[in-house]
Amino acid sequence: MSRVGKYPVTIPAGVEVAIANNILTAKGKLGVLTLPLTDLVETTVADGRVTVTPKSKATPNRQMWGTTRALVQTMVQGVSTGFTRELDIVGIGYRCDMKGRVATFTLGYSHPIEFYLPDGIDLKIDKQTHLVLTGSDRQMLGQVAANMRALRPPDPYKNKGVRFTGEVLRKKVGKTGAGGK
């Protein structure tokens, strides 16, 4: 039995949730998100709540029960309050600048890297080394943050590069410099 799926999702004020043609749509102050629903679960909207129940006790139905409920919860939270991811750029001369919807990274390569932000994702830069990404779609926000981190992952020896704020890194010990004979 799903421990997540059995709880209904409460719809906050200012958010509208509707189901049409097996597609759940959530509208709020931060945008509109859609979710195609599977035939394995029954999703209903009533009394300011979204309820998800499995159509049978088969294993795939129970698996999709909690998954669908969690996806609906993140949609409702995304259109009402949104999500944020924070990145830090560590290294001498490493920085980021923003012009329009294009973030330009200087990460120690011979050329600057231009990163185009998708629609629905906003970027705020503090001190050229602290990035704050915001958006209503949690999956897209996480993917954009991961793509930015992949431009220059943290080096294991000096920990220079792009990292998530609060990410714990293990610093490796370098060579010991044995005396030469």
Protein backbone atom coordinates (compact mmCIF):
# COMPACT_ATOMS: atom_id res chain seq x y z
CA MET A 1 0.00 0.00 0.00
CA SER A 2 1.32 3.41 -0.93
CA ARG A 3 2.13 5.65 1.99
CA VAL A 4 2.28 8.71 -0.25
CA GLY A 5 -0.68 8.03 -2.51
CA LYS A 6 -3.31 7.66 0.20
CA TYR A 7 -3.10 11.34 1.20
CA PRO A 8 -5.10 13.79 -0.91
CA VAL A 9 -3.45 16.86 -2.39
CA THR A 10 -4.93 20.08 -0.99
CA ILE A 11 -5.42 22.80 -3.58
CA PRO A 12 -4.35 26.21 -2.17
CA ALA A 13 -6.21 29.45 -2.85
CA GLY A 14 -5.45 30.92 -6.27
CA VAL A 15 -4.81 27.56 -7.94
CA GLU A 16 -7.24 25.86 -10.32
CA VAL A 17 -6.96 22.16 -11.08
CA ALA A 18 -9.00 20.51 -13.84
CA ILE A 19 -9.04 17.15 -15.61
CA ALA A 20 -9.99 16.95 -19.29
CA ASN A 21 -9.21 14.24 -21.86
CA ASN A 22 -7.07 12.34 -19.34
CA ILE A 23 -4.82 15.40 -18.82
CA LEU A 24 -4.57 17.16 -15.46
CA THR A 25 -4.02 20.92 -15.72
CA ALA A 26 -2.94 23.18 -12.86
CA LYS A 27 -3.18 26.98 -13.24
CA GLY A 28 -1.76 29.45 -10.77
CA LYS A 29 -0.05 32.79 -10.46
CA LEU A 30 3.26 31.33 -11.71
CA GLY A 31 1.92 29.63 -14.83
CA VAL A 32 0.19 26.55 -16.18
CA LEU A 33 1.44 22.96 -15.90
CA THR A 34 -0.05 19.82 -17.45
CA LEU A 35 0.30 16.14 -16.59
CA PRO A 36 -0.89 13.28 -18.81
CA LEU A 37 -2.66 10.77 -16.56
CA THR A 38 -2.19 7.03 -16.80
CA ASP A 39 -5.01 4.49 -17.07
CA LEU A 40 -3.72 2.61 -14.02
CA VAL A 41 -5.06 5.10 -11.46
CA GLU A 42 -8.25 7.12 -11.00
CA THR A 43 -7.73 10.83 -10.34
CA THR A 44 -10.57 13.05 -9.12
CA VAL A 45 -10.87 16.72 -8.19
CA ALA A 46 -13.49 17.58 -5.57
CA ASP A 47 -13.89 19.82 -2.51
CA GLY A 48 -10.56 21.58 -3.00
CA ARG A 49 -8.63 18.31 -3.09
CA VAL A 50 -7.11 16.01 -5.69
CA THR A 51 -7.50 12.34 -4.83
CA VAL A 52 -5.62 9.51 -6.53
CA THR A 53 -6.72 5.88 -6.17
CA PRO A 54 -5.48 2.74 -7.95
CA LYS A 55 -7.93 0.95 -10.26
CA SER A 56 -6.80 -2.47 -9.02
CA LYS A 57 -4.39 -4.00 -6.52
CA ALA A 58 -1.89 -5.02 -9.19
CA THR A 59 1.72 -3.96 -8.61
CA PRO A 60 1.98 -1.46 -11.53
CA ASN A 61 -1.22 0.25 -10.37
CA ARG A 62 0.08 0.64 -6.83
CA GLN A 63 3.42 1.94 -8.13
CA MET A 64 1.73 4.63 -10.21
CA TRP A 65 -0.55 5.53 -7.31
CA GLY A 66 2.16 7.24 -5.23
CA THR A 67 4.02 8.52 -8.30
CA THR A 68 0.96 10.27 -9.71
CA ARG A 69 0.09 11.79 -6.34
CA ALA A 70 3.65 13.13 -5.94
CA LEU A 71 3.62 14.60 -9.46
CA VAL A 72 0.30 16.34 -8.77
CA GLN A 73 1.66 17.71 -5.48
CA THR A 74 4.74 19.21 -7.18
CA MET A 75 2.57 20.70 -9.93
CA VAL A 76 0.28 22.41 -7.41
CA GLN A 77 3.23 23.67 -5.39
CA GLY A 78 5.02 24.84 -8.55
CA VAL A 79 2.17 27.00 -9.85
CA SER A 80 1.47 28.48 -6.41
CA THR A 81 4.89 29.08 -4.79
CA GLY A 82 7.47 27.80 -7.29
CA PHE A 83 10.84 26.16 -6.75
CA THR A 84 14.41 27.43 -6.46
CA ARG A 85 17.85 25.92 -6.97
CA GLU A 86 21.04 27.72 -6.04
CA LEU A 87 24.49 27.28 -7.57
CA ASP A 88 27.89 28.62 -6.54
CA ILE A 89 30.83 29.25 -8.85
CA VAL A 90 34.18 28.70 -7.12
CA GLY A 91 37.52 29.57 -8.70
CA ILE A 92 39.69 32.54 -9.50
CA GLY A 93 38.25 34.37 -12.51
CA TYR A 94 35.18 32.11 -12.70
CA ARG A 95 31.95 34.10 -13.07
CA CYS A 96 28.61 34.41 -14.82
CA ASP A 97 26.96 37.37 -16.55
CA MET A 98 23.41 37.69 -17.85
CA LYS A 99 22.18 39.44 -21.00
CA GLY A 100 18.52 38.87 -21.80
CA ARG A 101 17.84 35.11 -21.66
CA VAL A 102 21.51 34.16 -22.19
CA ALA A 103 23.88 33.44 -19.31
CA THR A 104 27.55 33.76 -20.22
CA PHE A 105 29.91 31.67 -18.10
CA THR A 106 33.64 32.28 -17.79
CA LEU A 107 34.97 29.04 -16.31
CA GLY A 108 38.67 28.91 -17.11
CA TYR A 109 38.30 27.67 -20.67
CA SER A 110 39.74 29.53 -23.65
CA HIS A 111 36.26 30.78 -24.54
CA PRO A 112 33.14 31.95 -22.70
CA ILE A 113 30.20 29.54 -22.62
CA GLU A 114 26.75 30.83 -23.55
CA PHE A 115 23.84 29.08 -21.83
CA TYR A 116 20.33 29.78 -23.14
CA LEU A 117 17.63 29.67 -20.47
CA PRO A 118 14.41 27.85 -21.44
CA ASP A 119 11.02 29.51 -21.03
CA GLY A 120 9.69 29.25 -17.49
CA ILE A 121 13.12 29.36 -15.84
CA ASP A 122 14.50 32.63 -14.45
CA LEU A 123 18.05 33.34 -13.31
CA LYS A 124 19.25 35.90 -10.77
CA ILE A 125 22.97 36.46 -10.30
CA ASP A 126 24.45 37.68 -7.01
CA LYS A 127 28.09 38.87 -6.99
CA GLN A 128 28.77 37.04 -10.31
CA THR A 129 29.39 33.79 -8.43
CA HIS A 130 26.05 32.92 -6.79
CA LEU A 131 23.21 31.88 -9.11
CA VAL A 132 19.57 31.52 -8.08
CA LEU A 133 17.34 29.63 -10.52
CA THR A 134 13.56 29.86 -10.09
CA GLY A 135 10.69 28.23 -11.93
CA SER A 136 7.39 26.45 -11.59
CA ASP A 137 8.37 23.13 -13.23
CA ARG A 138 10.52 21.23 -10.75
CA GLN A 139 11.85 18.68 -13.26
CA MET A 140 12.92 21.31 -15.79
CA LEU A 141 14.48 23.45 -13.05
CA GLY A 142 16.56 20.54 -11.78
CA GLN A 143 17.66 19.63 -15.30
CA VAL A 144 18.76 23.21 -16.08
CA ALA A 145 20.69 23.36 -12.79
CA ALA A 146 22.36 20.03 -13.57
CA ASN A 147 23.28 21.24 -17.07
CA MET A 148 24.86 24.39 -15.61
CA ARG A 149 26.83 22.31 -13.11
CA ALA A 150 28.01 20.04 -15.93
CA LEU A 151 29.68 23.01 -17.67
CA ARG A 152 32.51 22.75 -15.11
CA PRO A 153 31.93 20.09 -12.42
CA PRO A 154 33.86 20.61 -9.18
CA ASP A 155 37.48 19.49 -9.41
CA PRO A 156 38.21 16.79 -6.79
CA TYR A 157 41.66 18.24 -5.95
CA LYS A 158 40.96 21.99 -5.64
CA ASN A 159 37.11 21.93 -5.55
CA LYS A 160 36.97 24.61 -8.25
CA GLY A 161 33.97 24.69 -10.58
CA VAL A 162 30.18 25.02 -10.49
CA ARG A 163 28.44 23.35 -7.55
CA PHE A 164 25.07 23.33 -5.86
CA THR A 165 24.87 25.56 -2.79
CA GLY A 166 25.42 23.41 0.26
CA GLU A 167 26.85 20.50 -1.76
CA VAL A 168 29.39 18.56 0.29
CA LEU A 169 32.51 17.75 -1.69
CA ARG A 170 35.34 15.43 -0.75
CA LYS A 171 38.71 16.91 -1.47
CA LYS A 172 41.28 14.36 -2.63
CA VAL A 173 44.85 14.46 -1.45
CA GLY A 174 47.35 15.26 -4.20
CA LYS A 175 50.67 13.58 -4.84
CA THR A 176 53.01 13.57 -1.87
CA GLY A 177 56.06 14.77 -3.79
CA ALA A 178 58.53 11.97 -3.06
CA GLY A 179 62.15 13.10 -2.82
CA GLY A 180 64.04 12.57 -6.06
CA LYS A 181 67.14 10.41 -6.33
